[in-house]
C-alpha atoms as a PDB file:
ATOM      1  CA  SER A   1      96.502  86.599 147.586  1.00  0.00           C
ATOM      2  CA  SER A   2      99.627  87.417 149.609  1.00  0.00           C
ATOM      3  CA  VAL A   3     101.889  86.889 146.572  1.00  0.00           C
ATOM      4  CA  SER A   4      99.537  88.970 144.420  1.00  0.00           C
ATOM      5  CA  THR A   5      99.505  91.785 147.003  1.00  0.00           C
ATOM      6  CA  GLN A   6     103.298  91.669 147.327  1.00  0.00           C
ATOM      7  CA  SER A   7     103.863  91.747 143.560  1.00  0.00           C
ATOM      8  CA  THR A   8     101.375  94.607 143.115  1.00  0.00           C
ATOM      9  CA  GLY A   9     103.002  96.669 145.849  1.00  0.00           C
ATOM     10  CA  ASP A  10     106.437  95.931 144.429  1.00  0.00           C
ATOM     11  CA  ALA A  11     105.302  97.135 140.994  1.00  0.00           C
ATOM     12  CA  ILE A  12     103.591 100.392 141.992  1.00  0.00           C
ATOM     13  CA  ASP A  13     106.020 101.729 144.607  1.00  0.00           C
ATOM     14  CA  GLY A  14     108.361 103.123 141.959  1.00  0.00           C
ATOM     15  CA  LYS A  15     105.481 104.741 140.063  1.00  0.00           C
ATOM     16  CA  HIS A  16     104.241 106.330 143.287  1.00  0.00           C
ATOM     17  CA  ALA A  17     107.723 107.632 144.129  1.00  0.00           C
ATOM     18  CA  ARG A  18     108.169 109.163 140.679  1.00  0.00           C
ATOM     19  CA  ARG A  19     104.676 110.683 140.824  1.00  0.00           C
ATOM     20  CA  THR A  20     105.450 112.368 144.148  1.00  0.00           C
ATOM     21  CA  GLY A  21     109.036 113.270 143.233  1.00  0.00           C
ATOM     22  CA  THR A  22     110.467 111.196 146.107  1.00  0.00           C
ATOM     23  CA  ASN A  23     112.345 108.639 144.003  1.00  0.00           C
ATOM     24  CA  GLY A  24     116.073 108.168 144.516  1.00  0.00           C
ATOM     25  CA  PRO A  25     118.834 105.696 145.468  1.00  0.00           C
ATOM     26  CA  LEU A  26     117.562 105.333 149.057  1.00  0.00           C
ATOM     27  CA  GLY A  27     114.228 104.154 147.663  1.00  0.00           C
ATOM     28  CA  GLU A  28     116.013 101.655 145.452  1.00  0.00           C
ATOM     29  CA  ILE A  29     117.918 100.248 148.425  1.00  0.00           C
ATOM     30  CA  PHE A  30     114.686 100.040 150.421  1.00  0.00           C
ATOM     31  CA  ASP A  31     112.872  98.351 147.512  1.00  0.00           C
ATOM     32  CA  HIS A  32     115.495  95.670 146.914  1.00  0.00           C
ATOM     33  CA  GLY A  33     115.969  95.146 150.648  1.00  0.00           C
ATOM     34  CA  CYS A  34     112.257  94.398 151.093  1.00  0.00           C
ATOM     35  CA  ASP A  35     112.390  92.112 148.027  1.00  0.00           C
ATOM     36  CA  ALA A  36     115.206  90.126 149.660  1.00  0.00           C
ATOM     37  CA  PHE A  37     113.051  89.491 152.750  1.00  0.00           C
ATOM     38  CA  SER A  38     109.916  88.660 150.757  1.00  0.00           C
ATOM     39  CA  THR A  39     111.816  86.145 148.589  1.00  0.00           C
ATOM     40  CA  VAL A  40     112.400  83.960 151.651  1.00  0.00           C
ATOM     41  CA  PHE A  41     108.707  83.687 152.540  1.00  0.00           C
ATOM     42  CA  VAL A  42     107.538  83.353 148.923  1.00  0.00           C
ATOM     43  CA  LEU A  43     109.823  80.340 148.407  1.00  0.00           C
ATOM     44  CA  ILE A  44     108.689  78.675 151.631  1.00  0.00           C
ATOM     45  CA  ALA A  45     105.018  79.267 150.694  1.00  0.00           C
ATOM     46  CA  TYR A  46     105.622  77.666 147.282  1.00  0.00           C
ATOM     47  CA  GLY A  47     107.271  74.642 148.919  1.00  0.00           C
ATOM     48  CA  ILE A  48     104.293  74.179 151.239  1.00  0.00           C
ATOM     49  CA  ALA A  49     101.729  74.703 148.455  1.00  0.00           C
ATOM     50  CA  THR A  50     103.337  72.020 146.259  1.00  0.00           C
ATOM     51  CA  ASP A  51     103.832  69.607 149.180  1.00  0.00           C
ATOM     52  CA  LEU A  52     107.600  69.361 148.736  1.00  0.00           C
ATOM     53  CA  GLY A  53     107.950  68.426 152.392  1.00  0.00           C
ATOM     54  CA  PRO A  54     111.239  68.089 154.330  1.00  0.00           C
ATOM     55  CA  THR A  55     113.148  66.823 151.309  1.00  0.00           C
ATOM     56  CA  ILE A  56     116.180  67.861 149.318  1.00  0.00           C
ATOM     57  CA  GLY A  57     113.698  69.412 146.873  1.00  0.00           C
ATOM     58  CA  LEU A  58     112.672  72.055 149.438  1.00  0.00           C
ATOM     59  CA  PHE A  59     116.301  72.769 150.310  1.00  0.00           C
ATOM     60  CA  THR A  60     117.213  73.082 146.615  1.00  0.00           C
ATOM     61  CA  LEU A  61     114.252  75.385 145.936  1.00  0.00           C
ATOM     62  CA  CYS A  62     115.142  77.804 148.743  1.00  0.00           C
ATOM     63  CA  CYS A  63     118.875  77.690 148.056  1.00  0.00           C
ATOM     64  CA  LEU A  64     118.613  78.282 144.297  1.00  0.00           C
ATOM     65  CA  GLY A  65     115.845  80.865 144.619  1.00  0.00           C
ATOM     66  CA  ASN A  66     117.878  82.972 147.040  1.00  0.00           C
ATOM     67  CA  PHE A  67     121.007  82.501 144.929  1.00  0.00           C
ATOM     68  CA  LEU A  68     119.310  83.794 141.766  1.00  0.00           C
ATOM     69  CA  PHE A  69     118.192  86.942 143.569  1.00  0.00           C
ATOM     70  CA  TYR A  70     121.710  87.360 144.961  1.00  0.00           C
ATOM     71  CA  ALA A  71     123.280  86.767 141.533  1.00  0.00           C
ATOM     72  CA  ALA A  72     121.127  89.491 139.951  1.00  0.00           C
ATOM     73  CA  HIS A  73     122.672  92.050 142.310  1.00  0.00           C
ATOM     74  CA  TRP A  74     126.080  90.448 141.925  1.00  0.00           C
ATOM     75  CA  GLN A  75     126.096  91.305 138.225  1.00  0.00           C
ATOM     76  CA  THR A  76     124.791  94.788 139.116  1.00  0.00           C
ATOM     77  CA  LEU A  77     127.831  95.327 141.344  1.00  0.00           C
ATOM     78  CA  VAL A  78     130.038  94.172 138.461  1.00  0.00           C
ATOM     79  CA  SER A  79     128.426  96.174 135.649  1.00  0.00           C
ATOM     80  CA  GLY A  80     126.646  99.010 137.478  1.00  0.00           C
ATOM     81  CA  VAL A  81     123.361  98.165 135.699  1.00  0.00           C
ATOM     82  CA  LEU A  82     120.503  95.957 136.950  1.00  0.00           C
ATOM     83  CA  ASN A  83     119.640  93.787 133.963  1.00  0.00           C
ATOM     84  CA  PHE A  84     116.417  91.779 133.544  1.00  0.00           C
ATOM     85  CA  GLY A  85     115.989  88.639 131.478  1.00  0.00           C
ATOM     86  CA  ARG A  86     113.122  87.341 129.352  1.00  0.00           C
ATOM     87  CA  PHE A  87     111.913  85.165 132.227  1.00  0.00           C
ATOM     88  CA  ASP A  88     112.370  87.221 135.375  1.00  0.00           C
ATOM     89  CA  VAL A  89     110.596  88.504 138.476  1.00  0.00           C
ATOM     90  CA  THR A  90     107.191  89.256 136.935  1.00  0.00           C
ATOM     91  CA  GLU A  91     106.958  85.900 135.167  1.00  0.00           C
ATOM     92  CA  ALA A  92     108.042  84.084 138.340  1.00  0.00           C
ATOM     93  CA  GLN A  93     105.390  85.897 140.391  1.00  0.00           C
ATOM     94  CA  LEU A  94     102.649  85.019 137.891  1.00  0.00           C
ATOM     95  CA  PHE A  95     103.796  81.388 138.006  1.00  0.00           C
ATOM     96  CA  LEU A  96     103.675  81.384 141.829  1.00  0.00           C
ATOM     97  CA  ILE A  97     100.207  82.953 141.872  1.00  0.00           C
ATOM     98  CA  SER A  98      98.898  80.312 139.456  1.00  0.00           C
ATOM     99  CA  VAL A  99     100.372  77.521 141.615  1.00  0.00           C
ATOM    100  CA  HIS A 100      98.624  78.863 144.718  1.00  0.00           C
ATOM    101  CA  ILE A 101      95.317  79.170 142.831  1.00  0.00           C
ATOM    102  CA  TRP A 102      95.512  75.547 141.637  1.00  0.00           C
ATOM    103  CA  THR A 103      96.454  74.382 145.149  1.00  0.00           C
ATOM    104  CA  GLY A 104      93.495  76.271 146.594  1.00  0.00           C
ATOM    105  CA  LEU A 105      91.129  74.649 144.095  1.00  0.00           C
ATOM    106  CA  PHE A 106      92.405  71.056 144.126  1.00  0.00           C
ATOM    107  CA  GLY A 107      94.632  70.728 147.207  1.00  0.00           C
ATOM    108  CA  SER A 108      98.373  70.172 147.511  1.00  0.00           C
ATOM    109  CA  GLY A 109      97.942  66.484 146.658  1.00  0.00           C
ATOM    110  CA  LEU A 110      97.525  67.559 143.024  1.00  0.00           C
ATOM    111  CA  TRP A 111     101.283  68.061 142.715  1.00  0.00           C
ATOM    112  CA  ASN A 112     102.018  64.465 143.812  1.00  0.00           C
ATOM    113  CA  TYR A 113     100.356  63.097 140.664  1.00  0.00           C
ATOM    114  CA  GLU A 114     102.891  61.288 138.489  1.00  0.00           C
ATOM    115  CA  LEU A 115     102.784  62.034 134.756  1.00  0.00           C
ATOM    116  CA  ILE A 116     106.033  60.059 134.542  1.00  0.00           C
ATOM    117  CA  GLU A 117     106.345  57.049 136.835  1.00  0.00           C
ATOM    118  CA  GLY A 118     108.391  57.895 139.906  1.00  0.00           C
ATOM    119  CA  PHE A 119     108.570  61.614 139.004  1.00  0.00           C
ATOM    120  CA  PRO A 120     105.701  63.714 140.491  1.00  0.00           C
ATOM    121  CA  ILE A 121     104.517  66.992 138.964  1.00  0.00           C
ATOM    122  CA  LYS A 122     106.053  68.977 141.844  1.00  0.00           C
ATOM    123  CA  TYR A 123     109.553  67.787 140.871  1.00  0.00           C
ATOM    124  CA  MET A 124     108.882  68.356 137.181  1.00  0.00           C
ATOM    125  CA  MET A 125     107.951  71.977 137.966  1.00  0.00           C
ATOM    126  CA  LEU A 126     111.008  72.389 140.187  1.00  0.00           C
ATOM    127  CA  VAL A 127     113.357  71.116 137.477  1.00  0.00           C
ATOM    128  CA  SER A 128     111.702  73.062 134.635  1.00  0.00           C
ATOM    129  CA  SER A 129     111.553  76.349 136.596  1.00  0.00           C
ATOM    130  CA  THR A 130     115.201  75.949 137.629  1.00  0.00           C
ATOM    131  CA  ILE A 131     116.289  75.356 134.035  1.00  0.00           C
ATOM    132  CA  SER A 132     114.239  78.282 132.702  1.00  0.00           C
ATOM    133  CA  SER A 133     115.476  80.654 135.428  1.00  0.00           C
ATOM    134  CA  PHE A 134     119.134  79.808 134.966  1.00  0.00           C
ATOM    135  CA  GLY A 135     118.652  79.745 131.189  1.00  0.00           C
ATOM    136  CA  SER A 136     117.213  83.255 131.282  1.00  0.00           C
ATOM    137  CA  PHE A 137     120.028  84.404 133.579  1.00  0.00           C
ATOM    138  CA  ILE A 138     122.627  83.098 131.109  1.00  0.00           C
ATOM    139  CA  ALA A 139     120.790  84.210 127.950  1.00  0.00           C
ATOM    140  CA  SER A 140     120.413  87.769 129.250  1.00  0.00           C
ATOM    141  CA  GLY A 141     124.192  87.972 129.588  1.00  0.00           C
ATOM    142  CA  ASN A 142     124.251  88.233 133.383  1.00  0.00           C
ATOM    143  CA  ALA A 143     126.514  85.212 133.831  1.00  0.00           C
ATOM    144  CA  ALA A 144     128.881  86.480 131.139  1.00  0.00           C
ATOM    145  CA  THR A 145     128.966  89.900 132.813  1.00  0.00           C
ATOM    146  CA  ILE A 146     130.141  88.359 136.073  1.00  0.00           C
ATOM    147  CA  LEU A 147     132.760  86.153 134.431  1.00  0.00           C
ATOM    148  CA  THR A 148     134.196  88.470 131.790  1.00  0.00           C
ATOM    149  CA  GLY A 149     135.008  91.540 133.857  1.00  0.00           C
ATOM    150  CA  GLY A 150     133.349  94.597 135.278  1.00  0.00           C
ATOM    151  CA  SER A 151     133.016  98.310 134.690  1.00  0.00           C
ATOM    152  CA  GLY A 152     135.595  99.327 137.282  1.00  0.00           C
ATOM    153  CA  LYS A 153     139.326  99.790 136.924  1.00  0.00           C
ATOM    154  CA  ASN A 154     141.114  96.896 135.200  1.00  0.00           C
ATOM    155  CA  GLY A 155     137.877  94.954 134.828  1.00  0.00           C
ATOM    156  CA  ALA A 156     136.962  95.162 138.532  1.00  0.00           C
ATOM    157  CA  THR A 157     133.525  95.863 139.986  1.00  0.00           C
ATOM    158  CA  ILE A 158     132.220  99.427 140.269  1.00  0.00           C
ATOM    159  CA  ALA A 159     133.521  99.318 143.865  1.00  0.00           C
ATOM    160  CA  ASP A 160     136.999  98.384 142.521  1.00  0.00           C
ATOM    161  CA  THR A 161     136.893  94.883 144.020  1.00  0.00           C
ATOM    162  CA  SER A 162     137.273  91.453 142.436  1.00  0.00           C
ATOM    163  CA  VAL A 163     134.331  90.419 140.256  1.00  0.00           C
ATOM    164  CA  LEU A 164     134.396  86.943 141.818  1.00  0.00           C
ATOM    165  CA  SER A 165     134.688  87.954 145.490  1.00  0.00           C
ATOM    166  CA  PRO A 166     130.875  88.214 146.027  1.00  0.00           C
ATOM    167  CA  GLY A 167     130.686  84.476 145.333  1.00  0.00           C
ATOM    168  CA  ILE A 168     132.525  83.676 148.572  1.00  0.00           C
ATOM    169  CA  PRO A 169     129.765  84.409 151.144  1.00  0.00           C
ATOM    170  CA  VAL A 170     127.042  82.677 149.127  1.00  0.00           C
ATOM    171  CA  LEU A 171     129.217  79.563 148.702  1.00  0.00           C
ATOM    172  CA  LEU A 172     130.095  79.565 152.408  1.00  0.00           C
ATOM    173  CA  LEU A 173     126.464  79.820 153.517  1.00  0.00           C
ATOM    174  CA  SER A 174     125.273  77.176 151.041  1.00  0.00           C
ATOM    175  CA  GLY A 175     128.061  74.801 152.069  1.00  0.00           C
ATOM    176  CA  MET A 176     127.454  75.229 155.800  1.00  0.00           C
ATOM    177  CA  PHE A 177     123.695  74.674 155.566  1.00  0.00           C
ATOM    178  CA  TRP A 178     124.201  71.689 153.238  1.00  0.00           C
ATOM    179  CA  LYS A 179     126.516  70.075 155.803  1.00  0.00           C
ATOM    180  CA  LEU A 180     124.054  70.836 158.594  1.00  0.00           C
ATOM    181  CA  MET A 181     121.259  69.186 156.612  1.00  0.00           C
ATOM    182  CA  THR A 182     123.111  66.055 155.489  1.00  0.00           C
ATOM    183  CA  GLU A 183     125.136  65.256 158.629  1.00  0.00           C
ATOM    184  CA  SER A 184     122.751  66.118 161.448  1.00  0.00           C
ATOM    185  CA  PRO A 185     122.503  63.160 163.881  1.00  0.00           C
ATOM    186  CA  SER A 186     119.038  64.278 165.013  1.00  0.00           C
ATOM    187  CA  GLN A 187     117.813  65.037 161.450  1.00  0.00           C
ATOM    188  CA  VAL A 188     117.247  68.667 162.323  1.00  0.00           C
ATOM    189  CA  PHE A 189     116.179  69.562 158.770  1.00  0.00           C
ATOM    190  CA  GLU A 190     113.697  66.694 158.386  1.00  0.00           C
ATOM    191  CA  ASN A 191     112.080  67.482 161.744  1.00  0.00           C
ATOM    192  CA  ASN A 192     112.156  71.283 161.440  1.00  0.00           C
ATOM    193  CA  ALA A 193     112.114  72.016 157.705  1.00  0.00           C
ATOM    194  CA  VAL A 194     110.448  75.445 157.821  1.00  0.00           C
ATOM    195  CA  LEU A 195     112.599  76.573 160.757  1.00  0.00           C
ATOM    196  CA  PHE A 196     115.721  75.434 158.881  1.00  0.00           C
ATOM    197  CA  VAL A 197     114.999  77.072 155.497  1.00  0.00           C
ATOM    198  CA  LEU A 198     113.757  80.251 157.208  1.00  0.00           C
ATOM    199  CA  THR A 199     117.075  80.562 159.037  1.00  0.00           C
ATOM    200  CA  MET A 200     118.979  79.915 155.819  1.00  0.00           C
ATOM    201  CA  GLY A 201     116.834  82.393 153.887  1.00  0.00           C
ATOM    202  CA  LEU A 202     117.325  85.217 156.404  1.00  0.00           C
ATOM    203  CA  ALA A 203     121.082  84.618 156.292  1.00  0.00           C
ATOM    204  CA  PHE A 204     120.944  84.974 152.496  1.00  0.00           C
ATOM    205  CA  THR A 205     118.902  88.167 152.979  1.00  0.00           C
ATOM    206  CA  LYS A 206     121.698  89.775 155.016  1.00  0.00           C
ATOM    207  CA  ILE A 207     124.441  89.143 152.447  1.00  0.00           C
ATOM    208  CA  THR A 208     122.116  90.153 149.591  1.00  0.00           C
ATOM    209  CA  ASN A 209     121.328  93.470 151.255  1.00  0.00           C
ATOM    210  CA  SER A 210     125.039  93.994 151.825  1.00  0.00           C
ATOM    211  CA  LEU A 211     125.524  93.544 148.080  1.00  0.00           C
ATOM    212  CA  VAL A 212     122.697  95.994 147.273  1.00  0.00           C
ATOM    213  CA  VAL A 213     124.279  98.635 149.519  1.00  0.00           C
ATOM    214  CA  ALA A 214     127.679  97.949 147.935  1.00  0.00           C
ATOM    215  CA  HIS A 215     126.549  98.636 144.367  1.00  0.00           C
ATOM    216  CA  MET A 216     124.454 101.659 145.370  1.00  0.00           C
ATOM    217  CA  THR A 217     127.279 103.288 147.368  1.00  0.00           C
ATOM    218  CA  LYS A 218     130.189 101.873 145.341  1.00  0.00           C
ATOM    219  CA  SER A 219     131.754 100.588 148.546  1.00  0.00           C
ATOM    220  CA  PRO A 220     133.292  97.101 149.029  1.00  0.00           C
ATOM    221  CA  PRO A 221     130.750  94.441 150.068  1.00  0.00           C
ATOM    222  CA  THR A 222     131.214  92.114 153.014  1.00  0.00           C
ATOM    223  CA  VAL A 223     133.034  89.020 151.747  1.00  0.00           C
ATOM    224  CA  VAL A 224     133.864  86.625 154.598  1.00  0.00           C
ATOM    225  CA  VAL A 225     133.869  88.376 157.987  1.00  0.00           C
ATOM    226  CA  ASP A 226     130.162  88.893 158.561  1.00  0.00           C
ATOM    227  CA  SER A 227     128.275  88.396 161.795  1.00  0.00           C
ATOM    228  CA  ILE A 228     125.581  86.426 159.944  1.00  0.00           C
ATOM    229  CA  MET A 229     128.084  83.554 159.603  1.00  0.00           C
ATOM    230  CA  LEU A 230     128.156  83.071 163.393  1.00  0.00           C
ATOM    231  CA  GLY A 231     124.812  81.255 163.482  1.00  0.00           C
ATOM    232  CA  PRO A 232     125.526  78.382 161.056  1.00  0.00           C
ATOM    233  CA  ALA A 233     129.112  78.213 162.381  1.00  0.00           C
ATOM    234  CA  LEU A 234     127.759  77.647 165.901  1.00  0.00           C
ATOM    235  CA  LEU A 235     125.462  74.892 164.617  1.00  0.00           C
ATOM    236  CA  LEU A 236     128.411  73.212 162.870  1.00  0.00           C
ATOM    237  CA  ILE A 237     130.560  73.383 166.017  1.00  0.00           C
ATOM    238  CA  ASN A 238     127.726  71.849 168.017  1.00  0.00           C
ATOM    239  CA  GLN A 239     127.432  69.110 165.391  1.00  0.00           C
ATOM    240  CA  TYR A 240     131.201  68.500 165.445  1.00  0.00           C
ATOM    241  CA  LEU A 241     131.117  68.098 169.264  1.00  0.00           C
ATOM    242  CA  SER A 242     128.391  65.410 168.955  1.00  0.00           C
ATOM    243  CA  THR A 243     125.545  67.847 169.687  1.00  0.00           C
ATOM    244  CA  PRO A 244     125.934  68.638 173.420  1.00  0.00           C
ATOM    245  CA  VAL A 245     123.112  71.156 172.883  1.00  0.00           C
ATOM    246  CA  ASN A 246     119.802  70.032 171.397  1.00  0.00           C
ATOM    247  CA  GLU A 247     119.922  70.927 167.686  1.00  0.00           C
ATOM    248  CA  THR A 248     116.314  72.085 167.449  1.00  0.00           C
ATOM    249  CA  PHE A 249     116.731  74.389 170.440  1.00  0.00           C
ATOM    250  CA  LEU A 250     120.002  75.776 169.065  1.00  0.00           C
ATOM    251  CA  LEU A 251     118.475  76.245 165.605  1.00  0.00           C
ATOM    252  CA  SER A 252     115.663  78.289 167.174  1.00  0.00           C
ATOM    253  CA  LEU A 253     118.215  80.530 168.886  1.00  0.00           C
ATOM    254  CA  VAL A 254     120.172  80.897 165.642  1.00  0.00           C
ATOM    255  CA  LEU A 255     116.954  81.891 163.815  1.00  0.00           C
ATOM    256  CA  LEU A 256     116.302  84.645 166.371  1.00  0.00           C
ATOM    257  CA  PHE A 257     119.873  85.900 166.083  1.00  0.00           C
ATOM    258  CA  THR A 258     119.806  85.784 162.255  1.00  0.00           C
ATOM    259  CA  ALA A 259     116.524  87.710 162.119  1.00  0.00           C
ATOM    260  CA  TYR A 260     117.814  90.296 164.589  1.00  0.00           C
ATOM    261  CA  ASP A 261     121.143  90.711 162.772  1.00  0.00           C
ATOM    262  CA  SER A 262     119.473  91.132 159.361  1.00  0.00           C
ATOM    263  CA  ILE A 263     116.897  93.658 160.604  1.00  0.00           C
ATOM    264  CA  ARG A 264     119.500  95.564 162.666  1.00  0.00           C
ATOM    265  CA  TYR A 265     121.747  95.895 159.620  1.00  0.00           C
ATOM    266  CA  CYS A 266     118.925  97.243 157.442  1.00  0.00           C
ATOM    267  CA  VAL A 267     117.777  99.751 160.086  1.00  0.00           C
ATOM    268  CA  GLU A 268     121.323 101.046 160.663  1.00  0.00           C
ATOM    269  CA  ILE A 269     121.953 101.412 156.930  1.00  0.00           C
ATOM    270  CA  CYS A 270     118.734 103.392 156.408  1.00  0.00           C
ATOM    271  CA  ARG A 271     119.444 105.650 159.395  1.00  0.00           C
ATOM    272  CA  GLU A 272     123.016 106.250 158.267  1.00  0.00           C
ATOM    273  CA  ILE A 273     122.030 107.132 154.697  1.00  0.00           C
ATOM    274  CA  CYS A 274     119.153 109.361 155.846  1.00  0.00           C
ATOM    275  CA  ALA A 275     121.494 111.209 158.216  1.00  0.00           C
ATOM    276  CA  GLY A 276     124.191 111.554 155.565  1.00  0.00           C
ATOM    277  CA  LEU A 277     121.856 112.845 152.852  1.00  0.00           C
ATOM    278  CA  ASP A 278     119.472 114.651 155.206  1.00  0.00           C
ATOM    279  CA  VAL A 279     116.418 112.911 153.759  1.00  0.00           C
ATOM    280  CA  PRO A 280     113.381 111.441 155.588  1.00  0.00           C
ATOM    281  CA  CYS A 281     112.625 107.720 155.696  1.00  0.00           C
ATOM    282  CA  LEU A 282     109.032 106.450 155.378  1.00  0.00           C
ATOM    283  CA  THR A 283     107.838 110.052 155.575  1.00  0.00           C
ATOM    284  CA  MET A 284     106.131 112.007 152.828  1.00  0.00           C
ATOM    285  CA  PRO A 285     106.990 115.748 152.772  1.00  0.00           C
ATOM    286  CA  SER A 286     103.963 117.978 153.398  1.00  0.00           C
ATOM    287  CA  ASN A 287     104.635 120.152 150.334  1.00  0.00           C
ATOM    288  CA  VAL A 288     104.676 117.326 147.772  1.00  0.00           C
ATOM    289  CA  LYS A 289     103.353 118.297 144.338  1.00  0.00           C
ATOM    290  CA  LEU A 290     102.098 115.411 142.244  1.00  0.00           C
ATOM    291  CA  VAL A 291     103.752 115.001 138.857  1.00  0.00           C
ATOM    292  CA  SER A 292     101.275 114.247 136.088  1.00  0.00           C
ATOM    293  CA  PRO A 293     101.837 110.864 134.411  1.00  0.00           C
ATOM    294  CA  PRO A 294     103.014 110.906 130.772  1.00  0.00           C
ATOM    295  CA  SER A 295     100.181 111.572 128.321  1.00  0.00           C
ATOM    296  CA  GLU A 296      99.360 109.078 125.604  1.00  0.00           C
ATOM    297  CA  VAL A 297      98.861 111.996 123.182  1.00  0.00           C
ATOM    298  CA  THR A 298     101.931 113.044 121.184  1.00  0.00           C
ATOM    299  CA  PRO A 299     103.262 116.162 122.945  1.00  0.00           C
ATOM    300  CA  SER A 300     103.920 119.446 121.219  1.00  0.00           C
ATOM    301  CA  LYS A 301     107.420 120.756 120.663  1.00  0.00           C
ATOM    302  CA  SER A 302     107.214 123.124 123.644  1.00  0.00           C
ATOM    303  CA  SER A 303     105.927 120.400 125.974  1.00  0.00           C
ATOM    304  CA  ARG A 304     108.675 118.071 124.798  1.00  0.00           C
ATOM    305  CA  ILE A 305     111.191 120.723 125.786  1.00  0.00           C
ATOM    306  CA  ARG A 306     109.585 121.041 129.230  1.00  0.00           C
ATOM    307  CA  VAL A 307     109.576 117.262 129.704  1.00  0.00           C
ATOM    308  CA  THR A 308     113.213 117.049 128.641  1.00  0.00           C
ATOM    309  CA  ARG A 309     114.199 119.790 131.091  1.00  0.00           C
ATOM    310  CA  SER A 310     112.165 118.156 133.865  1.00  0.00           C
ATOM    311  CA  SER A 311     113.765 114.790 133.136  1.00  0.00           C
ATOM    312  CA  THR A 312     117.197 116.396 133.186  1.00  0.00           C
ATOM    313  CA  ARG A 313     116.506 117.954 136.584  1.00  0.00           C
ATOM    314  CA  SER A 314     115.235 114.602 137.888  1.00  0.00           C
ATOM    315  CA  SER A 315     118.313 112.796 136.563  1.00  0.00           C
ATOM    316  CA  SER A 316     120.585 115.431 138.103  1.00  0.00           C
ATOM    317  CA  SER A 317     118.807 115.019 141.447  1.00  0.00           C
ATOM    318  CA  ILE A 318     119.254 111.247 141.380  1.00  0.00           C
ATOM    319  CA  ALA A 319     122.894 111.583 140.328  1.00  0.00           C
ATOM    320  CA  SER A 320     123.449 113.999 143.220  1.00  0.00           C
ATOM    321  CA  SER A 321     121.874 111.514 145.633  1.00  0.00           C
ATOM    322  CA  ARG A 322     124.077 108.705 144.330  1.00  0.00           C
ATOM    323  CA  SER A 323     127.214 110.795 144.788  1.00  0.00           C
ATOM    324  CA  GLY A 324     125.960 111.651 148.263  1.00  0.00           C
ATOM    325  CA  LEU A 325     125.641 107.954 149.085  1.00  0.00           C
ATOM    326  CA  THR A 326     129.223 107.411 147.976  1.00  0.00           C
ATOM    327  CA  ARG A 327     130.404 110.325 150.143  1.00  0.00           C
ATOM    328  CA  VAL A 328     128.547 108.857 153.127  1.00  0.00           C
ATOM    329  CA  ALA A 329     130.251 105.490 152.567  1.00  0.00           C
ATOM    330  CA  ARG A 330     133.695 107.092 152.196  1.00  0.00           C
ATOM    331  CA  ARG A 331     133.189 109.368 155.202  1.00  0.00           C
ATOM    332  CA  THR A 332     132.147 106.400 157.296  1.00  0.00           C
ATOM    333  CA  ASP A 333     135.124 104.429 156.044  1.00  0.00           C
ATOM    334  CA  SER A 334     137.671 107.153 156.905  1.00  0.00           C
ATOM    335  CA  GLY A 335     136.073 108.146 160.183  1.00  0.00           C
ATOM    336  CA  SER A 336     135.387 104.813 161.855  1.00  0.00           C
ATOM    337  CA  GLY A 337     137.553 102.380 159.951  1.00  0.00           C
ATOM    338  CA  THR A 338     134.635 100.509 158.397  1.00  0.00           C
ATOM    339  CA  SER A 339     132.347 101.033 155.443  1.00  0.00           C
ATOM    340  CA  MET A 340     128.585 100.723 155.652  1.00  0.00           C
ATOM    341  CA  SER A 341     128.659  97.225 154.232  1.00  0.00           C
ATOM    342  CA  ASP A 342     131.196  96.183 156.894  1.00  0.00           C
ATOM    343  CA  LYS A 343     129.192  97.458 159.885  1.00  0.00           C
ATOM    344  CA  ASN A 344     127.951  94.185 161.296  1.00  0.00           C
END
């Protein structure tokens, strides 16, 4: 029910914003930022429902799931357009809901049944969903968009940065958590699987939100120097020094720091954009006039003209907001020496 509620809310928020005339770039940042957080918990819930356990399968699920969400916004930074594939968010949510329903009816042991000897259903689903997700990502042209150049100057991103630079933080995080999992003397992942993947997921959330802000404001994203890297780096140093500090205790502290750093970043970004554009956050203006949804009946010529003019005004308003976001980013960059995506 939680996945169903999340997917329903994610689908109707845009309709509600357009109906009340409160849609704009800030709403898009808020929407994708919340999606980044929810992805972490949805993946963990799926791993528990299918009884993946503290195995490399759970690590792979969480790592690839977060990477696909990150890659979608990576290609948006490159091209300036968020592109959806044939098998995308809606299909994935329906698949997750069906898995939870079957688990509720028959228990998580259902997924340990082996249709092929030595290969349980849970691993068959993991492999097939991974192939279909990456296949859809490639077939929709997202991978080609990242590799063949962007919409900026000389084939750069819309923020005039390298099209491959966003791959650095995601590779660093994946590599650090992989090393922590495979070389831990106390088997910190096996003994604290949920704690481990939750920490990793929240770290992915921070760099994903940085990428969302980058493509919405056309400002350079954080590449290497990000405070979210301090947590896994501290765990690696502790591991290198033969774990003078208990790994489970240190992982708990790193989780708290990662959660705080991710939430702090999102709150500061929203406050900064609201102050720069002079718009409210999570507040509905008292004089809102509801916009009637499009009629199924073919409109007359005069009504088509009114709709066209209304759409033009709406587009102009959104374009003005986007330019305002860019001015906020540039003003911040010239005034304090850092852009919004670098304020960590």
